[in-house]
Amino acid sequence: MMMKVLLCVLALLPLAAHAGKITISNPEVQELKGGKRLCVYENSIYLFTVVQKGKCATVKTFDTDANEK
């Protein structure tokens, strides 16, 4: 029984690696007109931009299907 559970877990690991989500921290922030901010989150693979009022989130999770560098 334990062997079947282990095999199922091992079979699902590749799916978890391609979950489609990434978390990026420490955005670059630019002030825009009207009190809005441009929040740029990037790493070596992905680039995401968010325009919003108020502060940019220090850490944000994105759908990796939405954008690639």
PDB file of N, CA and C in Angstrom:
ATOM      1  N   MET A   1       0.820  -1.197   0.000  1.00  0.00           N
ATOM      2  CA  MET A   1       0.000   0.000   0.000  1.00  0.00           C
ATOM      3  C   MET A   1       0.862   1.259   0.000  1.00  0.00           C
ATOM      4  N   MET A   2       1.888   1.272   0.848  1.00  0.00           N
ATOM      5  CA  MET A   2       2.761   2.439   0.944  1.00  0.00           C
ATOM      6  C   MET A   2       3.492   2.678  -0.383  1.00  0.00           C
ATOM      7  N   MET A   3       3.832   1.608  -1.065  1.00  0.00           N
ATOM      8  CA  MET A   3       4.530   1.735  -2.345  1.00  0.00           C
ATOM      9  C   MET A   3       3.638   2.409  -3.380  1.00  0.00           C
ATOM     10  N   LYS A   4       2.341   2.110  -3.386  1.00  0.00           N
ATOM     11  CA  LYS A   4       1.407   2.740  -4.320  1.00  0.00           C
ATOM     12  C   LYS A   4       1.289   4.234  -4.046  1.00  0.00           C
ATOM     13  N   VAL A   5       1.226   4.615  -2.780  1.00  0.00           N
ATOM     14  CA  VAL A   5       1.139   6.029  -2.409  1.00  0.00           C
ATOM     15  C   VAL A   5       2.403   6.756  -2.862  1.00  0.00           C
ATOM     16  N   LEU A   6       3.562   6.155  -2.621  1.00  0.00           N
ATOM     17  CA  LEU A   6       4.823   6.759  -3.031  1.00  0.00           C
ATOM     18  C   LEU A   6       4.883   6.933  -4.546  1.00  0.00           C
ATOM     19  N   LEU A   7       4.446   5.949  -5.287  1.00  0.00           N
ATOM     20  CA  LEU A   7       4.436   6.049  -6.745  1.00  0.00           C
ATOM     21  C   LEU A   7       3.493   7.150  -7.227  1.00  0.00           C
ATOM     22  N   CYS A   8       2.358   7.303  -6.585  1.00  0.00           N
ATOM     23  CA  CYS A   8       1.419   8.364  -6.951  1.00  0.00           C
ATOM     24  C   CYS A   8       2.018   9.745  -6.680  1.00  0.00           C
ATOM     25  N   VAL A   9       2.680   9.888  -5.547  1.00  0.00           N
ATOM     26  CA  VAL A   9       3.311  11.170  -5.213  1.00  0.00           C
ATOM     27  C   VAL A   9       4.406  11.494  -6.219  1.00  0.00           C
ATOM     28  N   LEU A  10       5.230  10.521  -6.549  1.00  0.00           N
ATOM     29  CA  LEU A  10       6.295  10.736  -7.526  1.00  0.00           C
ATOM     30  C   LEU A  10       5.740  11.067  -8.907  1.00  0.00           C
ATOM     31  N   ALA A  11       4.613  10.489  -9.260  1.00  0.00           N
ATOM     32  CA  ALA A  11       3.998  10.768 -10.552  1.00  0.00           C
ATOM     33  C   ALA A  11       3.451  12.190 -10.616  1.00  0.00           C
ATOM     34  N   LEU A  12       3.035  12.753  -9.481  1.00  0.00           N
ATOM     35  CA  LEU A  12       2.461  14.098  -9.457  1.00  0.00           C
ATOM     36  C   LEU A  12       3.501  15.201  -9.326  1.00  0.00           C
ATOM     37  N   LEU A  13       4.729  14.895  -8.981  1.00  0.00           N
ATOM     38  CA  LEU A  13       5.761  15.917  -8.799  1.00  0.00           C
ATOM     39  C   LEU A  13       5.997  16.774 -10.049  1.00  0.00           C
ATOM     40  N   PRO A  14       6.070  16.199 -11.237  1.00  0.00           N
ATOM     41  CA  PRO A  14       6.258  17.063 -12.407  1.00  0.00           C
ATOM     42  C   PRO A  14       5.121  18.064 -12.604  1.00  0.00           C
ATOM     43  N   LEU A  15       3.919  17.716 -12.214  1.00  0.00           N
ATOM     44  CA  LEU A  15       2.790  18.641 -12.331  1.00  0.00           C
ATOM     45  C   LEU A  15       2.957  19.818 -11.378  1.00  0.00           C
ATOM     46  N   ALA A  16       3.487  19.561 -10.203  1.00  0.00           N
ATOM     47  CA  ALA A  16       3.702  20.631  -9.233  1.00  0.00           C
ATOM     48  C   ALA A  16       4.772  21.597  -9.712  1.00  0.00           C
ATOM     49  N   ALA A  17       5.751  21.093 -10.445  1.00  0.00           N
ATOM     50  CA  ALA A  17       6.819  21.956 -10.949  1.00  0.00           C
ATOM     51  C   ALA A  17       6.306  22.917 -12.018  1.00  0.00           C
ATOM     52  N   HIS A  18       5.222  22.572 -12.672  1.00  0.00           N
ATOM     53  CA  HIS A  18       4.647  23.417 -13.708  1.00  0.00           C
ATOM     54  C   HIS A  18       3.302  23.969 -13.256  1.00  0.00           C
ATOM     55  N   ALA A  19       3.242  24.405 -12.030  1.00  0.00           N
ATOM     56  CA  ALA A  19       1.979  24.864 -11.453  1.00  0.00           C
ATOM     57  C   ALA A  19       1.499  26.163 -12.073  1.00  0.00           C
ATOM     58  N   GLY A  20       2.395  26.940 -12.707  1.00  0.00           N
ATOM     59  CA  GLY A  20       1.984  28.158 -13.375  1.00  0.00           C
ATOM     60  C   GLY A  20       1.956  29.386 -12.498  1.00  0.00           C
ATOM     61  N   LYS A  21       2.587  29.332 -11.338  1.00  0.00           N
ATOM     62  CA  LYS A  21       2.629  30.477 -10.429  1.00  0.00           C
ATOM     63  C   LYS A  21       4.075  30.764 -10.058  1.00  0.00           C
ATOM     64  N   ILE A  22       4.387  32.037  -9.880  1.00  0.00           N
ATOM     65  CA  ILE A  22       5.708  32.449  -9.409  1.00  0.00           C
ATOM     66  C   ILE A  22       5.542  33.635  -8.465  1.00  0.00           C
ATOM     67  N   THR A  23       6.343  33.665  -7.435  1.00  0.00           N
ATOM     68  CA  THR A  23       6.321  34.769  -6.479  1.00  0.00           C
ATOM     69  C   THR A  23       7.605  35.571  -6.631  1.00  0.00           C
ATOM     70  N   ILE A  24       7.455  36.884  -6.798  1.00  0.00           N
ATOM     71  CA  ILE A  24       8.597  37.781  -6.974  1.00  0.00           C
ATOM     72  C   ILE A  24       8.492  38.890  -5.928  1.00  0.00           C
ATOM     73  N   SER A  25       9.633  39.286  -5.390  1.00  0.00           N
ATOM     74  CA  SER A  25       9.646  40.319  -4.352  1.00  0.00           C
ATOM     75  C   SER A  25      10.484  41.519  -4.785  1.00  0.00           C
ATOM     76  N   ASN A  26      10.408  42.570  -3.989  1.00  0.00           N
ATOM     77  CA  ASN A  26      11.185  43.798  -4.165  1.00  0.00           C
ATOM     78  C   ASN A  26      11.019  44.437  -5.545  1.00  0.00           C
ATOM     79  N   PRO A  27       9.851  44.963  -5.835  1.00  0.00           N
ATOM     80  CA  PRO A  27       9.631  45.579  -7.142  1.00  0.00           C
ATOM     81  C   PRO A  27      10.350  46.921  -7.277  1.00  0.00           C
ATOM     82  N   GLU A  28      10.608  47.308  -8.514  1.00  0.00           N
ATOM     83  CA  GLU A  28      11.044  48.669  -8.802  1.00  0.00           C
ATOM     84  C   GLU A  28       9.779  49.503  -8.886  1.00  0.00           C
ATOM     85  N   VAL A  29       9.795  50.693  -8.309  1.00  0.00           N
ATOM     86  CA  VAL A  29       8.594  51.518  -8.231  1.00  0.00           C
ATOM     87  C   VAL A  29       8.844  52.855  -8.919  1.00  0.00           C
ATOM     88  N   GLN A  30       7.889  53.259  -9.770  1.00  0.00           N
ATOM     89  CA  GLN A  30       7.945  54.572 -10.416  1.00  0.00           C
ATOM     90  C   GLN A  30       6.639  55.293 -10.135  1.00  0.00           C
ATOM     91  N   GLU A  31       6.743  56.568  -9.753  1.00  0.00           N
ATOM     92  CA  GLU A  31       5.561  57.388  -9.507  1.00  0.00           C
ATOM     93  C   GLU A  31       4.982  57.842 -10.842  1.00  0.00           C
ATOM     94  N   LEU A  32       3.664  57.738 -10.988  1.00  0.00           N
ATOM     95  CA  LEU A  32       2.965  58.190 -12.182  1.00  0.00           C
ATOM     96  C   LEU A  32       2.033  59.335 -11.817  1.00  0.00           C
ATOM     97  N   LYS A  33       1.428  59.925 -12.831  1.00  0.00           N
ATOM     98  CA  LYS A  33       0.462  61.000 -12.589  1.00  0.00           C
ATOM     99  C   LYS A  33      -0.774  60.458 -11.874  1.00  0.00           C
ATOM    100  N   GLY A  34      -1.442  61.342 -11.143  1.00  0.00           N
ATOM    101  CA  GLY A  34      -2.696  60.963 -10.495  1.00  0.00           C
ATOM    102  C   GLY A  34      -2.519  60.094  -9.268  1.00  0.00           C
ATOM    103  N   GLY A  35      -1.338  60.076  -8.680  1.00  0.00           N
ATOM    104  CA  GLY A  35      -1.124  59.288  -7.477  1.00  0.00           C
ATOM    105  C   GLY A  35      -0.961  57.801  -7.713  1.00  0.00           C
ATOM    106  N   LYS A  36      -0.783  57.404  -8.964  1.00  0.00           N
ATOM    107  CA  LYS A  36      -0.611  55.980  -9.272  1.00  0.00           C
ATOM    108  C   LYS A  36       0.870  55.618  -9.268  1.00  0.00           C
ATOM    109  N   ARG A  37       1.129  54.324  -9.156  1.00  0.00           N
ATOM    110  CA  ARG A  37       2.502  53.811  -9.168  1.00  0.00           C
ATOM    111  C   ARG A  37       2.609  52.684 -10.185  1.00  0.00           C
ATOM    112  N   LEU A  38       3.767  52.627 -10.825  1.00  0.00           N
ATOM    113  CA  LEU A  38       4.109  51.517 -11.707  1.00  0.00           C
ATOM    114  C   LEU A  38       5.010  50.597 -10.902  1.00  0.00           C
ATOM    115  N   CYS A  39       4.556  49.378 -10.688  1.00  0.00           N
ATOM    116  CA  CYS A  39       5.313  48.386  -9.914  1.00  0.00           C
ATOM    117  C   CYS A  39       5.859  47.360 -10.911  1.00  0.00           C
ATOM    118  N   VAL A  40       7.170  47.238 -10.972  1.00  0.00           N
ATOM    119  CA  VAL A  40       7.814  46.322 -11.914  1.00  0.00           C
ATOM    120  C   VAL A  40       8.459  45.196 -11.125  1.00  0.00           C
ATOM    121  N   TYR A  41       7.959  43.984 -11.343  1.00  0.00           N
ATOM    122  CA  TYR A  41       8.473  42.788 -10.694  1.00  0.00           C
ATOM    123  C   TYR A  41       9.189  41.968 -11.757  1.00  0.00           C
ATOM    124  N   GLU A  42      10.450  41.623 -11.509  1.00  0.00           N
ATOM    125  CA  GLU A  42      11.148  40.810 -12.496  1.00  0.00           C
ATOM    126  C   GLU A  42      12.224  39.942 -11.872  1.00  0.00           C
ATOM    127  N   ASN A  43      12.500  38.860 -12.582  1.00  0.00           N
ATOM    128  CA  ASN A  43      13.638  38.009 -12.262  1.00  0.00           C
ATOM    129  C   ASN A  43      14.323  37.678 -13.582  1.00  0.00           C
ATOM    130  N   SER A  44      15.174  36.695 -13.626  1.00  0.00           N
ATOM    131  CA  SER A  44      15.916  36.399 -14.847  1.00  0.00           C
ATOM    132  C   SER A  44      15.045  35.833 -15.971  1.00  0.00           C
ATOM    133  N   ILE A  45      13.828  35.417 -15.650  1.00  0.00           N
ATOM    134  CA  ILE A  45      12.946  34.818 -16.659  1.00  0.00           C
ATOM    135  C   ILE A  45      11.704  35.663 -16.919  1.00  0.00           C
ATOM    136  N   TYR A  46      11.094  36.213 -15.889  1.00  0.00           N
ATOM    137  CA  TYR A  46       9.799  36.871 -16.010  1.00  0.00           C
ATOM    138  C   TYR A  46       9.864  38.360 -15.714  1.00  0.00           C
ATOM    139  N   LEU A  47       8.957  39.091 -16.345  1.00  0.00           N
ATOM    140  CA  LEU A  47       8.783  40.526 -16.112  1.00  0.00           C
ATOM    141  C   LEU A  47       7.289  40.805 -16.031  1.00  0.00           C
ATOM    142  N   PHE A  48       6.851  41.349 -14.906  1.00  0.00           N
ATOM    143  CA  PHE A  48       5.447  41.684 -14.703  1.00  0.00           C
ATOM    144  C   PHE A  48       5.349  43.138 -14.282  1.00  0.00           C
ATOM    145  N   THR A  49       4.386  43.860 -14.821  1.00  0.00           N
ATOM    146  CA  THR A  49       4.156  45.248 -14.427  1.00  0.00           C
ATOM    147  C   THR A  49       2.728  45.401 -13.926  1.00  0.00           C
ATOM    148  N   VAL A  50       2.577  46.212 -12.883  1.00  0.00           N
ATOM    149  CA  VAL A  50       1.276  46.470 -12.288  1.00  0.00           C
ATOM    150  C   VAL A  50       1.163  47.970 -12.058  1.00  0.00           C
ATOM    151  N   VAL A  51       0.065  48.582 -12.503  1.00  0.00           N
ATOM    152  CA  VAL A  51      -0.205  49.987 -12.215  1.00  0.00           C
ATOM    153  C   VAL A  51      -1.316  50.021 -11.175  1.00  0.00           C
ATOM    154  N   GLN A  52      -1.072  50.760 -10.082  1.00  0.00           N
ATOM    155  CA  GLN A  52      -2.071  50.807  -9.017  1.00  0.00           C
ATOM    156  C   GLN A  52      -1.922  52.071  -8.207  1.00  0.00           C
ATOM    157  N   LYS A  53      -2.969  52.386  -7.471  1.00  0.00           N
ATOM    158  CA  LYS A  53      -2.908  53.473  -6.496  1.00  0.00           C
ATOM    159  C   LYS A  53      -2.382  52.885  -5.201  1.00  0.00           C
ATOM    160  N   GLY A  54      -1.679  53.684  -4.444  1.00  0.00           N
ATOM    161  CA  GLY A  54      -1.132  53.190  -3.178  1.00  0.00           C
ATOM    162  C   GLY A  54       0.197  52.501  -3.376  1.00  0.00           C
ATOM    163  N   LYS A  55       0.651  51.872  -2.293  1.00  0.00           N
ATOM    164  CA  LYS A  55       1.957  51.229  -2.308  1.00  0.00           C
ATOM    165  C   LYS A  55       1.953  49.943  -3.124  1.00  0.00           C
ATOM    166  N   CYS A  56       3.127  49.627  -3.671  1.00  0.00           N
ATOM    167  CA  CYS A  56       3.317  48.345  -4.351  1.00  0.00           C
ATOM    168  C   CYS A  56       3.537  47.274  -3.289  1.00  0.00           C
ATOM    169  N   ALA A  57       2.988  46.118  -3.519  1.00  0.00           N
ATOM    170  CA  ALA A  57       3.195  44.998  -2.604  1.00  0.00           C
ATOM    171  C   ALA A  57       4.660  44.581  -2.640  1.00  0.00           C
ATOM    172  N   THR A  58       5.232  44.304  -1.480  1.00  0.00           N
ATOM    173  CA  THR A  58       6.625  43.885  -1.412  1.00  0.00           C
ATOM    174  C   THR A  58       6.825  42.536  -2.086  1.00  0.00           C
ATOM    175  N   VAL A  59       5.844  41.650  -1.950  1.00  0.00           N
ATOM    176  CA  VAL A  59       5.886  40.319  -2.544  1.00  0.00           C
ATOM    177  C   VAL A  59       4.570  40.102  -3.273  1.00  0.00           C
ATOM    178  N   LYS A  60       4.645  39.566  -4.502  1.00  0.00           N
ATOM    179  CA  LYS A  60       3.431  39.337  -5.290  1.00  0.00           C
ATOM    180  C   LYS A  60       3.578  38.036  -6.066  1.00  0.00           C
ATOM    181  N   THR A  61       2.482  37.301  -6.195  1.00  0.00           N
ATOM    182  CA  THR A  61       2.464  36.060  -6.948  1.00  0.00           C
ATOM    183  C   THR A  61       1.739  36.278  -8.271  1.00  0.00           C
ATOM    184  N   PHE A  62       2.332  35.754  -9.348  1.00  0.00           N
ATOM    185  CA  PHE A  62       1.799  35.930 -10.694  1.00  0.00           C
ATOM    186  C   PHE A  62       1.575  34.594 -11.367  1.00  0.00           C
ATOM    187  N   ASP A  63       0.698  34.601 -12.358  1.00  0.00           N
ATOM    188  CA  ASP A  63       0.487  33.442 -13.217  1.00  0.00           C
ATOM    189  C   ASP A  63       1.563  33.490 -14.291  1.00  0.00           C
ATOM    190  N   THR A  64       2.384  32.456 -14.395  1.00  0.00           N
ATOM    191  CA  THR A  64       3.497  32.477 -15.341  1.00  0.00           C
ATOM    192  C   THR A  64       3.052  32.449 -16.801  1.00  0.00           C
ATOM    193  N   ASP A  65       1.829  32.059 -17.064  1.00  0.00           N
ATOM    194  CA  ASP A  65       1.323  32.069 -18.433  1.00  0.00           C
ATOM    195  C   ASP A  65       1.022  33.485 -18.898  1.00  0.00           C
ATOM    196  N   ALA A  66       0.965  34.450 -17.970  1.00  0.00           N
ATOM    197  CA  ALA A  66       0.592  35.824 -18.316  1.00  0.00           C
ATOM    198  C   ALA A  66       1.704  36.595 -19.015  1.00  0.00           C
ATOM    199  N   ASN A  67       2.973  36.254 -18.763  1.00  0.00           N
ATOM    200  CA  ASN A  67       4.045  37.066 -19.313  1.00  0.00           C
ATOM    201  C   ASN A  67       5.367  36.329 -19.232  1.00  0.00           C
ATOM    202  N   GLU A  68       6.215  36.526 -20.230  1.00  0.00           N
ATOM    203  CA  GLU A  68       7.582  36.030 -20.202  1.00  0.00           C
ATOM    204  C   GLU A  68       8.496  37.099 -20.737  1.00  0.00           C
ATOM    205  N   LYS A  69       9.700  37.126 -20.245  1.00  0.00           N
ATOM    206  CA  LYS A  69      10.701  38.098 -20.685  1.00  0.00           C
ATOM    207  C   LYS A  69      11.249  37.714 -22.031  1.00  0.00           C
TER     208      LYS A  69
END
